[in-house]
Amino acid sequence: MAYLGQTRDYLLHLDAGDEVFRKAHDLRHPMTDAEKLLWDKIRNRKLQGLKFRRQHPIHYYIADFYCHEKRLIVEVDGGIHLDEAVKEHDENRTAELDRLGIKVIRFTNEHIFEHLEQVLEEIVKIAKPPHPPTPSPKGEGGEC
């Protein structure tokens, strides 16, 4: 018999350990200015009804912002992410999360400050792609 509470927690956090939860909790308060600005626009379902969580533990990682319904992580990158070793770590992390079925998108602090509306549009575009056209029933349409 499955325990729904445990299953839900597993899916929401992908078996993140206690240490990841502690670190995520510690990271919630010293938000960067760019994170604060973005969080103000996406919190409480302000962005097209999407539910985001901040500093969310997932697997071995902590996502800056995570939308579980869309399996989407939004990362806000400061200058440290220009370092080659950090870039490599970010690429490996993104690949691992992609294997778990989670899409990761990244924005620099500067991009958030200078193009916030564009950032929000990009998040919505990825989270809510347009529906493909549905085929018409057989016998209808352009056939003669």
C-alpha atoms as a PDB file:
ATOM      1  CA  MET A   1       0.000   0.000   0.000  1.00  0.00           C
ATOM      2  CA  ALA A   2       1.324   3.453  -0.887  1.00  0.00           C
ATOM      3  CA  TYR A   3       1.457   6.215   1.688  1.00  0.00           C
ATOM      4  CA  LEU A   4       0.252   9.241  -0.215  1.00  0.00           C
ATOM      5  CA  GLY A   5       1.905  11.756   2.119  1.00  0.00           C
ATOM      6  CA  GLN A   6       5.314  10.155   1.667  1.00  0.00           C
ATOM      7  CA  THR A   7       4.818   9.766  -2.079  1.00  0.00           C
ATOM      8  CA  ARG A   8       3.838  13.415  -2.427  1.00  0.00           C
ATOM      9  CA  ASP A   9       6.881  14.547  -0.421  1.00  0.00           C
ATOM     10  CA  TYR A  10       9.151  12.360  -2.514  1.00  0.00           C
ATOM     11  CA  LEU A  11       7.804  13.823  -5.755  1.00  0.00           C
ATOM     12  CA  LEU A  12       7.946  17.378  -4.439  1.00  0.00           C
ATOM     13  CA  HIS A  13      11.509  17.123  -3.141  1.00  0.00           C
ATOM     14  CA  LEU A  14      12.864  14.056  -4.976  1.00  0.00           C
ATOM     15  CA  ASP A  15      14.217  12.583  -1.764  1.00  0.00           C
ATOM     16  CA  ALA A  16      16.228  15.636  -0.668  1.00  0.00           C
ATOM     17  CA  GLY A  17      18.095  14.930   2.547  1.00  0.00           C
ATOM     18  CA  ASP A  18      17.917  16.745   5.877  1.00  0.00           C
ATOM     19  CA  GLU A  19      21.095  18.717   5.164  1.00  0.00           C
ATOM     20  CA  VAL A  20      19.651  20.091   1.915  1.00  0.00           C
ATOM     21  CA  PHE A  21      16.494  21.154   3.796  1.00  0.00           C
ATOM     22  CA  ARG A  22      18.579  22.934   6.463  1.00  0.00           C
ATOM     23  CA  LYS A  23      20.658  24.745   3.862  1.00  0.00           C
ATOM     24  CA  ALA A  24      17.540  25.758   1.905  1.00  0.00           C
ATOM     25  CA  HIS A  25      16.010  27.196   5.070  1.00  0.00           C
ATOM     26  CA  ASP A  26      19.168  29.210   5.751  1.00  0.00           C
ATOM     27  CA  LEU A  27      19.170  30.592   2.193  1.00  0.00           C
ATOM     28  CA  ARG A  28      15.609  31.927   2.376  1.00  0.00           C
ATOM     29  CA  HIS A  29      16.472  35.059   4.286  1.00  0.00           C
ATOM     30  CA  PRO A  30      19.573  36.599   2.706  1.00  0.00           C
ATOM     31  CA  MET A  31      17.933  36.990  -0.731  1.00  0.00           C
ATOM     32  CA  THR A  32      19.795  39.068  -3.294  1.00  0.00           C
ATOM     33  CA  ASP A  33      18.146  42.226  -4.620  1.00  0.00           C
ATOM     34  CA  ALA A  34      17.471  40.506  -7.951  1.00  0.00           C
ATOM     35  CA  GLU A  35      15.861  37.529  -6.188  1.00  0.00           C
ATOM     36  CA  LYS A  36      13.712  39.892  -4.109  1.00  0.00           C
ATOM     37  CA  LEU A  37      12.571  41.752  -7.219  1.00  0.00           C
ATOM     38  CA  LEU A  38      11.665  38.555  -9.075  1.00  0.00           C
ATOM     39  CA  TRP A  39      10.074  36.957  -6.003  1.00  0.00           C
ATOM     40  CA  ASP A  40       7.817  39.982  -5.580  1.00  0.00           C
ATOM     41  CA  LYS A  41       6.463  39.381  -9.108  1.00  0.00           C
ATOM     42  CA  ILE A  42       6.007  35.589  -8.941  1.00  0.00           C
ATOM     43  CA  ARG A  43       4.983  34.903  -5.331  1.00  0.00           C
ATOM     44  CA  ASN A  44       1.421  34.012  -4.324  1.00  0.00           C
ATOM     45  CA  ARG A  45       0.480  32.950  -7.872  1.00  0.00           C
ATOM     46  CA  LYS A  46       0.896  36.509  -9.191  1.00  0.00           C
ATOM     47  CA  LEU A  47       2.368  35.254 -12.472  1.00  0.00           C
ATOM     48  CA  GLN A  48      -0.404  33.619 -14.520  1.00  0.00           C
ATOM     49  CA  GLY A  49      -1.506  31.572 -11.495  1.00  0.00           C
ATOM     50  CA  LEU A  50       1.802  29.674 -11.313  1.00  0.00           C
ATOM     51  CA  LYS A  51       2.764  28.535  -7.802  1.00  0.00           C
ATOM     52  CA  PHE A  52       6.460  29.114  -7.090  1.00  0.00           C
ATOM     53  CA  ARG A  53       8.402  28.124  -3.999  1.00  0.00           C
ATOM     54  CA  ARG A  54      11.666  29.832  -3.118  1.00  0.00           C
ATOM     55  CA  GLN A  55      14.867  28.117  -2.048  1.00  0.00           C
ATOM     56  CA  HIS A  56      13.191  24.787  -2.608  1.00  0.00           C
ATOM     57  CA  PRO A  57      15.111  21.571  -1.817  1.00  0.00           C
ATOM     58  CA  ILE A  58      14.951  19.099  -4.663  1.00  0.00           C
ATOM     59  CA  HIS A  59      17.114  15.998  -4.935  1.00  0.00           C
ATOM     60  CA  TYR A  60      20.660  17.113  -3.965  1.00  0.00           C
ATOM     61  CA  TYR A  61      20.043  20.721  -4.957  1.00  0.00           C
ATOM     62  CA  ILE A  62      18.317  23.898  -3.883  1.00  0.00           C
ATOM     63  CA  ALA A  63      16.331  25.745  -6.522  1.00  0.00           C
ATOM     64  CA  ASP A  64      16.080  29.525  -6.278  1.00  0.00           C
ATOM     65  CA  PHE A  65      12.443  29.278  -7.424  1.00  0.00           C
ATOM     66  CA  TYR A  66      10.534  26.092  -8.223  1.00  0.00           C
ATOM     67  CA  CYS A  67       7.114  25.555  -9.824  1.00  0.00           C
ATOM     68  CA  HIS A  68       6.192  21.969  -9.044  1.00  0.00           C
ATOM     69  CA  GLU A  69       3.100  21.868 -11.267  1.00  0.00           C
ATOM     70  CA  LYS A  70       5.247  22.699 -14.301  1.00  0.00           C
ATOM     71  CA  ARG A  71       8.449  21.032 -13.041  1.00  0.00           C
ATOM     72  CA  LEU A  72      10.273  24.301 -13.709  1.00  0.00           C
ATOM     73  CA  ILE A  73      13.213  25.822 -11.854  1.00  0.00           C
ATOM     74  CA  VAL A  74      14.109  29.489 -12.264  1.00  0.00           C
ATOM     75  CA  GLU A  75      17.663  30.350 -11.232  1.00  0.00           C
ATOM     76  CA  VAL A  76      18.972  33.855 -10.601  1.00  0.00           C
ATOM     77  CA  ASP A  77      22.715  33.998 -11.276  1.00  0.00           C
ATOM     78  CA  GLY A  78      25.113  36.546  -9.863  1.00  0.00           C
ATOM     79  CA  GLY A  79      28.683  37.214 -10.950  1.00  0.00           C
ATOM     80  CA  ILE A  80      30.047  34.029  -9.347  1.00  0.00           C
ATOM     81  CA  HIS A  81      28.313  32.047 -12.102  1.00  0.00           C
ATOM     82  CA  LEU A  82      30.759  33.493 -14.657  1.00  0.00           C
ATOM     83  CA  ASP A  83      33.578  31.446 -13.096  1.00  0.00           C
ATOM     84  CA  GLU A  84      34.430  28.422 -15.277  1.00  0.00           C
ATOM     85  CA  ALA A  85      34.237  25.913 -12.415  1.00  0.00           C
ATOM     86  CA  VAL A  86      30.849  27.263 -11.342  1.00  0.00           C
ATOM     87  CA  LYS A  87      29.619  27.222 -14.954  1.00  0.00           C
ATOM     88  CA  GLU A  88      30.591  23.554 -15.226  1.00  0.00           C
ATOM     89  CA  HIS A  89      28.840  22.763 -11.937  1.00  0.00           C
ATOM     90  CA  ASP A  90      25.718  24.601 -13.162  1.00  0.00           C
ATOM     91  CA  GLU A  91      25.735  22.663 -16.446  1.00  0.00           C
ATOM     92  CA  ASN A  92      26.073  19.322 -14.630  1.00  0.00           C
ATOM     93  CA  ARG A  93      23.308  20.280 -12.198  1.00  0.00           C
ATOM     94  CA  THR A  94      21.019  21.318 -15.055  1.00  0.00           C
ATOM     95  CA  ALA A  95      21.701  18.060 -16.905  1.00  0.00           C
ATOM     96  CA  GLU A  96      20.931  16.013 -13.781  1.00  0.00           C
ATOM     97  CA  LEU A  97      17.675  17.884 -13.155  1.00  0.00           C
ATOM     98  CA  ASP A  98      16.755  17.525 -16.833  1.00  0.00           C
ATOM     99  CA  ARG A  99      17.180  13.749 -16.487  1.00  0.00           C
ATOM    100  CA  LEU A 100      14.690  13.959 -13.615  1.00  0.00           C
ATOM    101  CA  GLY A 101      12.214  15.729 -15.889  1.00  0.00           C
ATOM    102  CA  ILE A 102      12.755  19.224 -14.491  1.00  0.00           C
ATOM    103  CA  LYS A 103      13.426  22.190 -16.775  1.00  0.00           C
ATOM    104  CA  VAL A 104      15.929  24.793 -15.531  1.00  0.00           C
ATOM    105  CA  ILE A 105      16.064  28.357 -16.851  1.00  0.00           C
ATOM    106  CA  ARG A 106      18.621  30.937 -15.774  1.00  0.00           C
ATOM    107  CA  PHE A 107      18.663  34.709 -15.666  1.00  0.00           C
ATOM    108  CA  THR A 108      21.465  36.992 -14.557  1.00  0.00           C
ATOM    109  CA  ASN A 109      20.902  39.607 -11.885  1.00  0.00           C
ATOM    110  CA  GLU A 110      21.471  42.294 -14.516  1.00  0.00           C
ATOM    111  CA  HIS A 111      18.882  40.822 -16.866  1.00  0.00           C
ATOM    112  CA  ILE A 112      16.297  40.822 -14.080  1.00  0.00           C
ATOM    113  CA  PHE A 113      17.054  44.444 -13.166  1.00  0.00           C
ATOM    114  CA  GLU A 114      17.090  45.705 -16.753  1.00  0.00           C
ATOM    115  CA  HIS A 115      14.468  43.498 -18.449  1.00  0.00           C
ATOM    116  CA  LEU A 116      12.092  42.253 -15.752  1.00  0.00           C
ATOM    117  CA  GLU A 117       9.015  42.134 -18.005  1.00  0.00           C
ATOM    118  CA  GLN A 118      10.968  40.115 -20.584  1.00  0.00           C
ATOM    119  CA  VAL A 119      12.070  37.685 -17.843  1.00  0.00           C
ATOM    120  CA  LEU A 120       8.467  37.233 -16.695  1.00  0.00           C
ATOM    121  CA  GLU A 121       7.306  36.665 -20.280  1.00  0.00           C
ATOM    122  CA  GLU A 122      10.017  34.046 -20.795  1.00  0.00           C
ATOM    123  CA  ILE A 123       8.999  32.197 -17.610  1.00  0.00           C
ATOM    124  CA  VAL A 124       5.355  32.122 -18.731  1.00  0.00           C
ATOM    125  CA  LYS A 125       6.340  31.062 -22.253  1.00  0.00           C
ATOM    126  CA  ILE A 126       8.259  28.068 -20.924  1.00  0.00           C
ATOM    127  CA  ALA A 127       5.764  27.187 -18.182  1.00  0.00           C
ATOM    128  CA  LYS A 128       2.674  27.537 -20.352  1.00  0.00           C
ATOM    129  CA  PRO A 129       3.559  26.694 -23.950  1.00  0.00           C
ATOM    130  CA  PRO A 130       0.763  27.164 -26.482  1.00  0.00           C
ATOM    131  CA  HIS A 131      -1.337  24.085 -27.127  1.00  0.00           C
ATOM    132  CA  PRO A 132      -0.726  22.392 -30.471  1.00  0.00           C
ATOM    133  CA  PRO A 133      -3.728  22.498 -32.790  1.00  0.00           C
ATOM    134  CA  THR A 134      -6.038  19.548 -32.387  1.00  0.00           C
ATOM    135  CA  PRO A 135      -6.646  17.535 -35.531  1.00  0.00           C
ATOM    136  CA  SER A 136     -10.140  17.724 -36.971  1.00  0.00           C
ATOM    137  CA  PRO A 137     -12.259  14.565 -36.872  1.00  0.00           C
ATOM    138  CA  LYS A 138     -11.922  12.285 -39.879  1.00  0.00           C
ATOM    139  CA  GLY A 139     -14.033  13.442 -42.784  1.00  0.00           C
ATOM    140  CA  GLU A 140     -13.939  17.118 -41.850  1.00  0.00           C
ATOM    141  CA  GLY A 141     -11.525  19.698 -43.115  1.00  0.00           C
ATOM    142  CA  GLY A 142      -9.891  20.190 -46.480  1.00  0.00           C
ATOM    143  CA  GLU A 143     -10.328  16.692 -47.914  1.00  0.00           C
ATOM    144  CA  CYS A 144     -12.476  16.393 -51.074  1.00  0.00           C
END
